[in-house]
Amino acid sequence: MEYILGEKEQECIFCVALSDQGNLTLYRGSLSMVMMNKYPYINGHLLVAPKRHIASLDDLTLEEMSDLLKTVRDSTGILKKAMNPDGFNVGLNLGVVAGAGVEQHLHFHIVPRWHGDTNAMTVFAEVRVIPEHLEATYGNLKPHFKALERKENL
């Protein structure tokens, strides 16, 4: 309800996440970043984006494309270690008609999935069931992404 009734953010959420205001930001790499989805489908729902503000796959350099996919891979590895999901939905929505909520800044969604998770609640009851508070999930994941930053800076 906070999202539905609330005032929509005018600034790009990814550009804000790269600033000091980015309190849900887990990782800032050289070319890519990872943040938690403020309105997740399920715990651990991450957003992975290039640091550069671009909307199209065509605008990615080869180096950005490689780094972006490596960051998606590293993020699923961290989620496996920290949350032990049974699988993942990994997706990229290009354009409003394809479901892009922030179409001006390209980003991947990583949604961990567990056998018997409550994802159907959204469809049948127009309700989301999130068993862990967003800040608790952030606290669980942040040390893993800090380790990734340290490894990258070696």
N, C-alpha and C. Protein backbone atom coordinates (compact mmCIF):
# COMPACT_ATOMS: atom_id res chain seq x y z
N MET A 1 0.82 -1.20 0.00
CA MET A 1 0.00 0.00 0.00
C MET A 1 0.86 1.26 0.00
N GLU A 2 2.01 1.19 0.67
CA GLU A 2 2.90 2.35 0.70
C GLU A 2 3.25 2.77 -0.73
N TYR A 3 3.55 1.81 -1.58
CA TYR A 3 3.93 2.11 -2.97
C TYR A 3 2.72 2.60 -3.76
N ILE A 4 1.58 1.93 -3.63
CA ILE A 4 0.39 2.26 -4.40
C ILE A 4 -0.11 3.67 -4.07
N LEU A 5 -0.18 3.98 -2.78
CA LEU A 5 -0.73 5.26 -2.35
C LEU A 5 0.32 6.37 -2.25
N GLY A 6 1.56 5.98 -2.14
CA GLY A 6 2.62 6.97 -1.93
C GLY A 6 2.96 7.77 -3.17
N GLU A 7 3.64 8.88 -2.92
CA GLU A 7 4.10 9.73 -4.01
C GLU A 7 5.23 9.01 -4.72
N LYS A 8 5.20 9.01 -6.02
CA LYS A 8 6.21 8.31 -6.82
C LYS A 8 7.50 9.13 -6.84
N GLU A 9 8.62 8.42 -6.74
CA GLU A 9 9.92 9.07 -6.76
C GLU A 9 10.18 9.65 -8.14
N GLN A 10 10.68 10.88 -8.17
CA GLN A 10 10.99 11.53 -9.43
C GLN A 10 12.39 11.20 -9.90
N GLU A 11 13.31 10.98 -8.94
CA GLU A 11 14.68 10.66 -9.28
C GLU A 11 14.80 9.18 -9.65
N CYS A 12 15.79 8.86 -10.43
CA CYS A 12 16.06 7.48 -10.78
C CYS A 12 16.53 6.74 -9.53
N ILE A 13 15.86 5.65 -9.18
CA ILE A 13 16.20 4.92 -7.96
C ILE A 13 17.61 4.36 -7.99
N PHE A 14 18.11 4.05 -9.17
CA PHE A 14 19.45 3.49 -9.29
C PHE A 14 20.51 4.58 -9.10
N CYS A 15 20.25 5.75 -9.63
CA CYS A 15 21.18 6.86 -9.45
C CYS A 15 21.20 7.29 -7.97
N VAL A 16 20.04 7.27 -7.31
CA VAL A 16 19.99 7.57 -5.88
C VAL A 16 20.75 6.49 -5.11
N ALA A 17 20.60 5.23 -5.51
CA ALA A 17 21.27 4.12 -4.83
C ALA A 17 22.79 4.23 -4.92
N LEU A 18 23.28 4.89 -5.95
CA LEU A 18 24.73 5.07 -6.10
C LEU A 18 25.25 6.24 -5.27
N SER A 19 24.33 7.06 -4.77
CA SER A 19 24.73 8.19 -3.93
C SER A 19 24.77 7.74 -2.47
N ASP A 20 25.09 8.65 -1.60
CA ASP A 20 25.12 8.35 -0.17
C ASP A 20 23.73 8.08 0.40
N GLN A 21 22.69 8.45 -0.35
CA GLN A 21 21.31 8.23 0.09
C GLN A 21 20.85 6.78 -0.12
N GLY A 22 21.66 5.98 -0.80
CA GLY A 22 21.26 4.63 -1.19
C GLY A 22 21.33 3.64 -0.04
N ASN A 23 20.32 3.66 0.83
CA ASN A 23 20.36 2.82 2.02
C ASN A 23 19.99 1.36 1.77
N LEU A 24 19.57 1.00 0.59
CA LEU A 24 19.30 -0.40 0.25
C LEU A 24 20.34 -0.95 -0.71
N THR A 25 21.40 -0.19 -0.91
CA THR A 25 22.46 -0.60 -1.83
C THR A 25 23.37 -1.61 -1.14
N LEU A 26 23.55 -2.75 -1.78
CA LEU A 26 24.40 -3.81 -1.25
C LEU A 26 25.80 -3.76 -1.81
N TYR A 27 25.94 -3.28 -3.05
CA TYR A 27 27.23 -3.39 -3.73
C TYR A 27 27.37 -2.29 -4.78
N ARG A 28 28.53 -1.66 -4.78
CA ARG A 28 28.89 -0.69 -5.82
C ARG A 28 30.21 -1.15 -6.41
N GLY A 29 30.17 -1.79 -7.57
CA GLY A 29 31.37 -2.24 -8.24
C GLY A 29 31.90 -1.16 -9.16
N SER A 30 32.87 -1.51 -9.98
CA SER A 30 33.44 -0.51 -10.88
C SER A 30 32.46 -0.12 -11.98
N LEU A 31 31.64 -1.07 -12.45
CA LEU A 31 30.70 -0.78 -13.55
C LEU A 31 29.25 -1.14 -13.24
N SER A 32 29.03 -1.95 -12.20
CA SER A 32 27.68 -2.42 -11.87
C SER A 32 27.39 -2.21 -10.40
N MET A 33 26.11 -2.26 -10.07
CA MET A 33 25.70 -2.12 -8.68
C MET A 33 24.56 -3.08 -8.38
N VAL A 34 24.36 -3.37 -7.07
CA VAL A 34 23.28 -4.25 -6.62
C VAL A 34 22.54 -3.54 -5.50
N MET A 35 21.24 -3.54 -5.59
CA MET A 35 20.42 -3.00 -4.51
C MET A 35 19.25 -3.93 -4.26
N MET A 36 18.68 -3.80 -3.08
CA MET A 36 17.49 -4.58 -2.76
C MET A 36 16.28 -3.88 -3.36
N ASN A 37 15.30 -4.66 -3.77
CA ASN A 37 14.05 -4.09 -4.25
C ASN A 37 13.26 -3.62 -3.03
N LYS A 38 12.90 -2.36 -3.00
CA LYS A 38 12.17 -1.78 -1.86
C LYS A 38 10.78 -2.40 -1.72
N TYR A 39 10.22 -2.90 -2.82
CA TYR A 39 8.90 -3.54 -2.81
C TYR A 39 9.04 -4.94 -3.41
N PRO A 40 9.68 -5.85 -2.66
CA PRO A 40 10.04 -7.16 -3.23
C PRO A 40 8.85 -8.08 -3.43
N TYR A 41 9.02 -9.00 -4.40
CA TYR A 41 8.05 -10.09 -4.57
C TYR A 41 8.22 -11.11 -3.47
N ILE A 42 9.47 -11.24 -3.00
CA ILE A 42 9.80 -12.20 -1.94
C ILE A 42 11.14 -11.77 -1.35
N ASN A 43 11.47 -12.27 -0.17
CA ASN A 43 12.73 -11.89 0.46
C ASN A 43 13.92 -12.17 -0.46
N GLY A 44 14.87 -11.24 -0.47
CA GLY A 44 16.07 -11.42 -1.27
C GLY A 44 15.95 -10.94 -2.70
N HIS A 45 14.82 -10.29 -3.06
CA HIS A 45 14.61 -9.78 -4.42
C HIS A 45 15.61 -8.64 -4.66
N LEU A 46 16.56 -8.88 -5.57
CA LEU A 46 17.62 -7.92 -5.85
C LEU A 46 17.46 -7.29 -7.23
N LEU A 47 18.03 -6.11 -7.38
CA LEU A 47 18.10 -5.41 -8.65
C LEU A 47 19.57 -5.19 -8.97
N VAL A 48 19.99 -5.58 -10.17
CA VAL A 48 21.38 -5.43 -10.60
C VAL A 48 21.36 -4.52 -11.83
N ALA A 49 22.15 -3.44 -11.76
CA ALA A 49 22.12 -2.45 -12.84
C ALA A 49 23.53 -1.97 -13.16
N PRO A 50 23.71 -1.48 -14.39
CA PRO A 50 24.98 -0.81 -14.68
C PRO A 50 25.01 0.50 -13.90
N LYS A 51 26.18 0.95 -13.53
CA LYS A 51 26.27 2.22 -12.83
C LYS A 51 25.91 3.39 -13.75
N ARG A 52 26.22 3.22 -15.02
CA ARG A 52 25.91 4.27 -15.99
C ARG A 52 24.41 4.29 -16.25
N HIS A 53 23.82 5.46 -16.31
CA HIS A 53 22.38 5.63 -16.51
C HIS A 53 22.05 5.43 -17.99
N ILE A 54 21.67 4.19 -18.32
CA ILE A 54 21.31 3.85 -19.70
C ILE A 54 20.05 2.99 -19.71
N ALA A 55 19.32 3.05 -20.81
CA ALA A 55 18.04 2.35 -20.89
C ALA A 55 18.05 1.12 -21.79
N SER A 56 19.04 0.98 -22.62
CA SER A 56 18.99 -0.03 -23.67
C SER A 56 20.20 -0.95 -23.63
N LEU A 57 19.98 -2.21 -23.99
CA LEU A 57 21.10 -3.15 -24.13
C LEU A 57 22.09 -2.66 -25.17
N ASP A 58 21.60 -2.00 -26.19
CA ASP A 58 22.46 -1.47 -27.25
C ASP A 58 23.44 -0.42 -26.73
N ASP A 59 23.12 0.22 -25.62
CA ASP A 59 23.97 1.27 -25.07
C ASP A 59 25.08 0.74 -24.17
N LEU A 60 25.03 -0.56 -23.82
CA LEU A 60 26.07 -1.15 -22.99
C LEU A 60 27.36 -1.35 -23.78
N THR A 61 28.49 -1.05 -23.15
CA THR A 61 29.76 -1.43 -23.76
C THR A 61 29.95 -2.92 -23.51
N LEU A 62 30.86 -3.55 -24.22
CA LEU A 62 31.14 -4.98 -23.99
C LEU A 62 31.63 -5.20 -22.55
N GLU A 63 32.42 -4.28 -22.04
CA GLU A 63 32.93 -4.39 -20.67
C GLU A 63 31.78 -4.28 -19.66
N GLU A 64 30.85 -3.35 -19.88
CA GLU A 64 29.69 -3.21 -18.99
C GLU A 64 28.81 -4.46 -19.05
N MET A 65 28.61 -4.98 -20.26
CA MET A 65 27.77 -6.17 -20.43
C MET A 65 28.36 -7.36 -19.67
N SER A 66 29.65 -7.55 -19.80
CA SER A 66 30.33 -8.63 -19.11
C SER A 66 30.27 -8.45 -17.60
N ASP A 67 30.52 -7.23 -17.13
CA ASP A 67 30.50 -6.96 -15.70
C ASP A 67 29.09 -7.13 -15.12
N LEU A 68 28.10 -6.72 -15.88
CA LEU A 68 26.72 -6.82 -15.43
C LEU A 68 26.32 -8.28 -15.23
N LEU A 69 26.63 -9.13 -16.19
CA LEU A 69 26.29 -10.54 -16.07
C LEU A 69 27.11 -11.22 -14.98
N LYS A 70 28.37 -10.83 -14.82
CA LYS A 70 29.20 -11.35 -13.73
C LYS A 70 28.59 -10.96 -12.38
N THR A 71 28.07 -9.74 -12.28
CA THR A 71 27.45 -9.29 -11.03
C THR A 71 26.15 -10.05 -10.76
N VAL A 72 25.39 -10.37 -11.81
CA VAL A 72 24.19 -11.22 -11.65
C VAL A 72 24.62 -12.59 -11.13
N ARG A 73 25.66 -13.16 -11.73
CA ARG A 73 26.17 -14.47 -11.29
C ARG A 73 26.64 -14.42 -9.84
N ASP A 74 27.43 -13.41 -9.48
CA ASP A 74 27.92 -13.28 -8.11
C ASP A 74 26.76 -13.10 -7.12
N SER A 75 25.75 -12.35 -7.53
CA SER A 75 24.60 -12.10 -6.65
C SER A 75 23.79 -13.37 -6.40
N THR A 76 23.60 -14.19 -7.45
CA THR A 76 22.88 -15.45 -7.22
C THR A 76 23.71 -16.36 -6.32
N GLY A 77 25.03 -16.32 -6.46
CA GLY A 77 25.90 -17.12 -5.59
C GLY A 77 25.79 -16.69 -4.14
N ILE A 78 25.73 -15.39 -3.90
CA ILE A 78 25.58 -14.88 -2.53
C ILE A 78 24.22 -15.28 -1.98
N LEU A 79 23.17 -15.15 -2.79
CA LEU A 79 21.84 -15.54 -2.31
C LEU A 79 21.79 -17.03 -1.99
N LYS A 80 22.45 -17.86 -2.80
CA LYS A 80 22.49 -19.31 -2.51
C LYS A 80 23.12 -19.55 -1.15
N LYS A 81 24.24 -18.88 -0.92
CA LYS A 81 24.98 -19.07 0.33
C LYS A 81 24.21 -18.52 1.54
N ALA A 82 23.63 -17.34 1.39
CA ALA A 82 22.99 -16.66 2.52
C ALA A 82 21.56 -17.10 2.78
N MET A 83 20.82 -17.50 1.73
CA MET A 83 19.39 -17.76 1.89
C MET A 83 18.95 -19.15 1.45
N ASN A 84 19.83 -19.89 0.79
CA ASN A 84 19.56 -21.27 0.38
C ASN A 84 18.25 -21.45 -0.41
N PRO A 85 18.04 -20.67 -1.47
CA PRO A 85 16.83 -20.86 -2.27
C PRO A 85 16.93 -22.13 -3.12
N ASP A 86 15.78 -22.59 -3.58
CA ASP A 86 15.73 -23.77 -4.46
C ASP A 86 15.92 -23.41 -5.92
N GLY A 87 15.78 -22.14 -6.27
CA GLY A 87 15.94 -21.69 -7.64
C GLY A 87 15.82 -20.18 -7.70
N PHE A 88 15.82 -19.63 -8.91
CA PHE A 88 15.75 -18.19 -9.12
C PHE A 88 14.91 -17.87 -10.34
N ASN A 89 14.25 -16.72 -10.31
CA ASN A 89 13.77 -16.06 -11.51
C ASN A 89 14.73 -14.90 -11.73
N VAL A 90 15.36 -14.85 -12.91
CA VAL A 90 16.25 -13.75 -13.27
C VAL A 90 15.69 -13.16 -14.54
N GLY A 91 15.41 -11.85 -14.51
CA GLY A 91 14.78 -11.26 -15.68
C GLY A 91 15.16 -9.81 -15.91
N LEU A 92 14.87 -9.38 -17.12
CA LEU A 92 15.16 -8.03 -17.58
C LEU A 92 13.93 -7.56 -18.34
N ASN A 93 13.30 -6.49 -17.88
CA ASN A 93 12.13 -5.93 -18.54
C ASN A 93 12.56 -4.69 -19.31
N LEU A 94 12.37 -4.71 -20.62
CA LEU A 94 12.76 -3.57 -21.46
C LEU A 94 11.51 -2.90 -22.01
N GLY A 95 11.25 -1.69 -21.54
CA GLY A 95 10.07 -0.93 -21.95
C GLY A 95 8.90 -1.10 -21.00
N VAL A 96 8.09 -0.07 -20.90
CA VAL A 96 6.95 -0.07 -19.99
C VAL A 96 5.99 -1.22 -20.30
N VAL A 97 5.72 -1.47 -21.58
CA VAL A 97 4.79 -2.53 -21.94
C VAL A 97 5.30 -3.91 -21.55
N ALA A 98 6.61 -4.03 -21.34
CA ALA A 98 7.21 -5.30 -20.92
C ALA A 98 7.31 -5.40 -19.39
N GLY A 99 6.84 -4.37 -18.69
CA GLY A 99 6.83 -4.40 -17.24
C GLY A 99 7.92 -3.61 -16.57
N ALA A 100 8.71 -2.84 -17.33
CA ALA A 100 9.79 -2.06 -16.73
C ALA A 100 9.20 -0.93 -15.89
N GLY A 101 9.44 -0.99 -14.59
CA GLY A 101 8.98 0.07 -13.69
C GLY A 101 9.88 1.29 -13.77
N VAL A 102 11.14 1.07 -14.06
CA VAL A 102 12.12 2.15 -14.23
C VAL A 102 12.76 1.91 -15.60
N GLU A 103 12.09 2.35 -16.64
CA GLU A 103 12.56 2.02 -17.99
C GLU A 103 13.80 2.79 -18.41
N GLN A 104 14.10 3.90 -17.77
CA GLN A 104 15.23 4.71 -18.20
C GLN A 104 16.58 4.22 -17.67
N HIS A 105 16.57 3.23 -16.76
CA HIS A 105 17.83 2.69 -16.24
C HIS A 105 17.73 1.16 -16.26
N LEU A 106 18.37 0.56 -17.23
CA LEU A 106 18.39 -0.89 -17.43
C LEU A 106 18.73 -1.61 -16.12
N HIS A 107 18.02 -2.70 -15.81
CA HIS A 107 18.33 -3.47 -14.60
C HIS A 107 17.73 -4.88 -14.68
N PHE A 108 18.44 -5.81 -14.05
CA PHE A 108 17.98 -7.18 -13.91
C PHE A 108 17.29 -7.35 -12.56
N HIS A 109 16.28 -8.19 -12.54
CA HIS A 109 15.65 -8.63 -11.28
C HIS A 109 16.18 -10.02 -10.98
N ILE A 110 16.57 -10.25 -9.74
CA ILE A 110 16.91 -11.59 -9.27
C ILE A 110 15.94 -11.89 -8.14
N VAL A 111 15.11 -12.90 -8.35
CA VAL A 111 14.09 -13.27 -7.36
C VAL A 111 14.35 -14.70 -6.91
N PRO A 112 14.83 -14.87 -5.66
CA PRO A 112 15.02 -16.24 -5.17
C PRO A 112 13.67 -16.94 -5.00
N ARG A 113 13.67 -18.26 -5.21
CA ARG A 113 12.42 -19.03 -5.11
C ARG A 113 12.66 -20.28 -4.28
N TRP A 114 11.67 -20.65 -3.51
CA TRP A 114 11.71 -21.84 -2.68
C TRP A 114 10.49 -22.70 -3.00
N HIS A 115 10.66 -24.02 -2.91
CA HIS A 115 9.50 -24.91 -3.06
C HIS A 115 8.45 -24.50 -2.05
N GLY A 116 7.23 -24.30 -2.52
CA GLY A 116 6.13 -23.94 -1.62
C GLY A 116 6.13 -22.49 -1.19
N ASP A 117 6.92 -21.63 -1.86
CA ASP A 117 6.88 -20.22 -1.46
C ASP A 117 5.50 -19.65 -1.77
N THR A 118 5.24 -18.46 -1.31
CA THR A 118 3.89 -17.89 -1.35
C THR A 118 3.65 -16.98 -2.54
N ASN A 119 4.40 -17.16 -3.62
CA ASN A 119 4.29 -16.28 -4.76
C ASN A 119 2.88 -16.22 -5.33
N ALA A 120 2.11 -17.29 -5.22
CA ALA A 120 0.74 -17.31 -5.76
C ALA A 120 -0.19 -16.37 -5.01
N MET A 121 0.17 -15.98 -3.78
CA MET A 121 -0.67 -15.06 -3.01
C MET A 121 -0.91 -13.76 -3.78
N THR A 122 0.10 -13.29 -4.49
CA THR A 122 -0.04 -12.05 -5.26
C THR A 122 -1.11 -12.21 -6.32
N VAL A 123 -1.16 -13.36 -6.95
CA VAL A 123 -2.12 -13.60 -8.03
C VAL A 123 -3.53 -13.81 -7.48
N PHE A 124 -3.67 -14.64 -6.45
CA PHE A 124 -4.99 -15.03 -5.98
C PHE A 124 -5.59 -14.06 -4.97
N ALA A 125 -4.78 -13.42 -4.17
CA ALA A 125 -5.32 -12.60 -3.10
C ALA A 125 -4.87 -11.14 -3.16
N GLU A 126 -4.11 -10.78 -4.20
CA GLU A 126 -3.58 -9.43 -4.33
C GLU A 126 -2.84 -8.99 -3.07
N VAL A 127 -2.08 -9.94 -2.50
CA VAL A 127 -1.33 -9.72 -1.26
C VAL A 127 0.06 -10.31 -1.46
N ARG A 128 1.06 -9.67 -0.87
CA ARG A 128 2.41 -10.23 -0.85
C ARG A 128 2.73 -10.66 0.56
N VAL A 129 3.32 -11.83 0.68
CA VAL A 129 3.72 -12.35 1.98
C VAL A 129 5.24 -12.35 2.03
N ILE A 130 5.79 -11.51 2.89
CA ILE A 130 7.23 -11.40 3.04
C ILE A 130 7.54 -11.79 4.48
N PRO A 131 8.14 -12.97 4.70
CA PRO A 131 8.32 -13.47 6.06
C PRO A 131 9.41 -12.77 6.87
N GLU A 132 10.27 -12.00 6.22
CA GLU A 132 11.36 -11.34 6.94
C GLU A 132 11.37 -9.87 6.56
N HIS A 133 11.58 -8.99 7.54
CA HIS A 133 11.62 -7.56 7.28
C HIS A 133 12.77 -7.24 6.32
N LEU A 134 12.56 -6.26 5.45
CA LEU A 134 13.54 -5.86 4.44
C LEU A 134 14.90 -5.55 5.07
N GLU A 135 14.90 -4.85 6.21
CA GLU A 135 16.16 -4.49 6.86
C GLU A 135 16.90 -5.71 7.40
N ALA A 136 16.17 -6.72 7.84
CA ALA A 136 16.80 -7.96 8.32
C ALA A 136 17.46 -8.69 7.15
N THR A 137 16.78 -8.74 6.01
CA THR A 137 17.37 -9.37 4.82
C THR A 137 18.61 -8.59 4.39
N TYR A 138 18.53 -7.26 4.41
CA TYR A 138 19.68 -6.42 4.07
C TYR A 138 20.86 -6.74 4.99
N GLY A 139 20.60 -6.82 6.29
CA GLY A 139 21.66 -7.13 7.25
C GLY A 139 22.29 -8.49 7.01
N ASN A 140 21.50 -9.44 6.55
CA ASN A 140 22.00 -10.78 6.24
C ASN A 140 22.88 -10.78 4.99
N LEU A 141 22.49 -10.01 3.98
CA LEU A 141 23.19 -10.03 2.69
C LEU A 141 24.39 -9.08 2.63
N LYS A 142 24.35 -7.97 3.34
CA LYS A 142 25.39 -6.94 3.21
C LYS A 142 26.80 -7.47 3.46
N PRO A 143 27.07 -8.28 4.50
CA PRO A 143 28.44 -8.77 4.70
C PRO A 143 28.97 -9.58 3.51
N HIS A 144 28.10 -10.30 2.83
CA HIS A 144 28.52 -11.09 1.66
C HIS A 144 28.94 -10.18 0.50
N PHE A 145 28.19 -9.10 0.30
CA PHE A 145 28.54 -8.16 -0.76
C PHE A 145 29.77 -7.34 -0.38
N LYS A 146 29.97 -7.06 0.91
CA LYS A 146 31.20 -6.39 1.37
C LYS A 146 32.41 -7.26 1.02
N ALA A 147 32.28 -8.56 1.24
CA ALA A 147 33.37 -9.49 0.91
C ALA A 147 33.65 -9.47 -0.59
N LEU A 148 32.59 -9.37 -1.41
CA LEU A 148 32.76 -9.29 -2.86
C LEU A 148 33.51 -8.01 -3.23
N GLU A 149 33.18 -6.89 -2.59
CA GLU A 149 33.89 -5.62 -2.84
C GLU A 149 35.36 -5.75 -2.47
N ARG A 150 35.65 -6.36 -1.33
CA ARG A 150 37.04 -6.52 -0.90
C ARG A 150 37.80 -7.38 -1.90
N LYS A 151 37.17 -8.46 -2.37
CA LYS A 151 37.80 -9.35 -3.33
C LYS A 151 38.08 -8.61 -4.64
N GLU A 152 37.14 -7.76 -5.07
CA GLU A 152 37.30 -7.01 -6.31
C GLU A 152 38.44 -5.99 -6.19
N ASN A 153 38.66 -5.45 -5.01
CA ASN A 153 39.67 -4.41 -4.81
C ASN A 153 41.06 -4.96 -4.57
N LEU A 154 41.24 -6.27 -4.54
CA LEU A 154 42.58 -6.86 -4.35
C LEU A 154 43.44 -6.70 -5.57
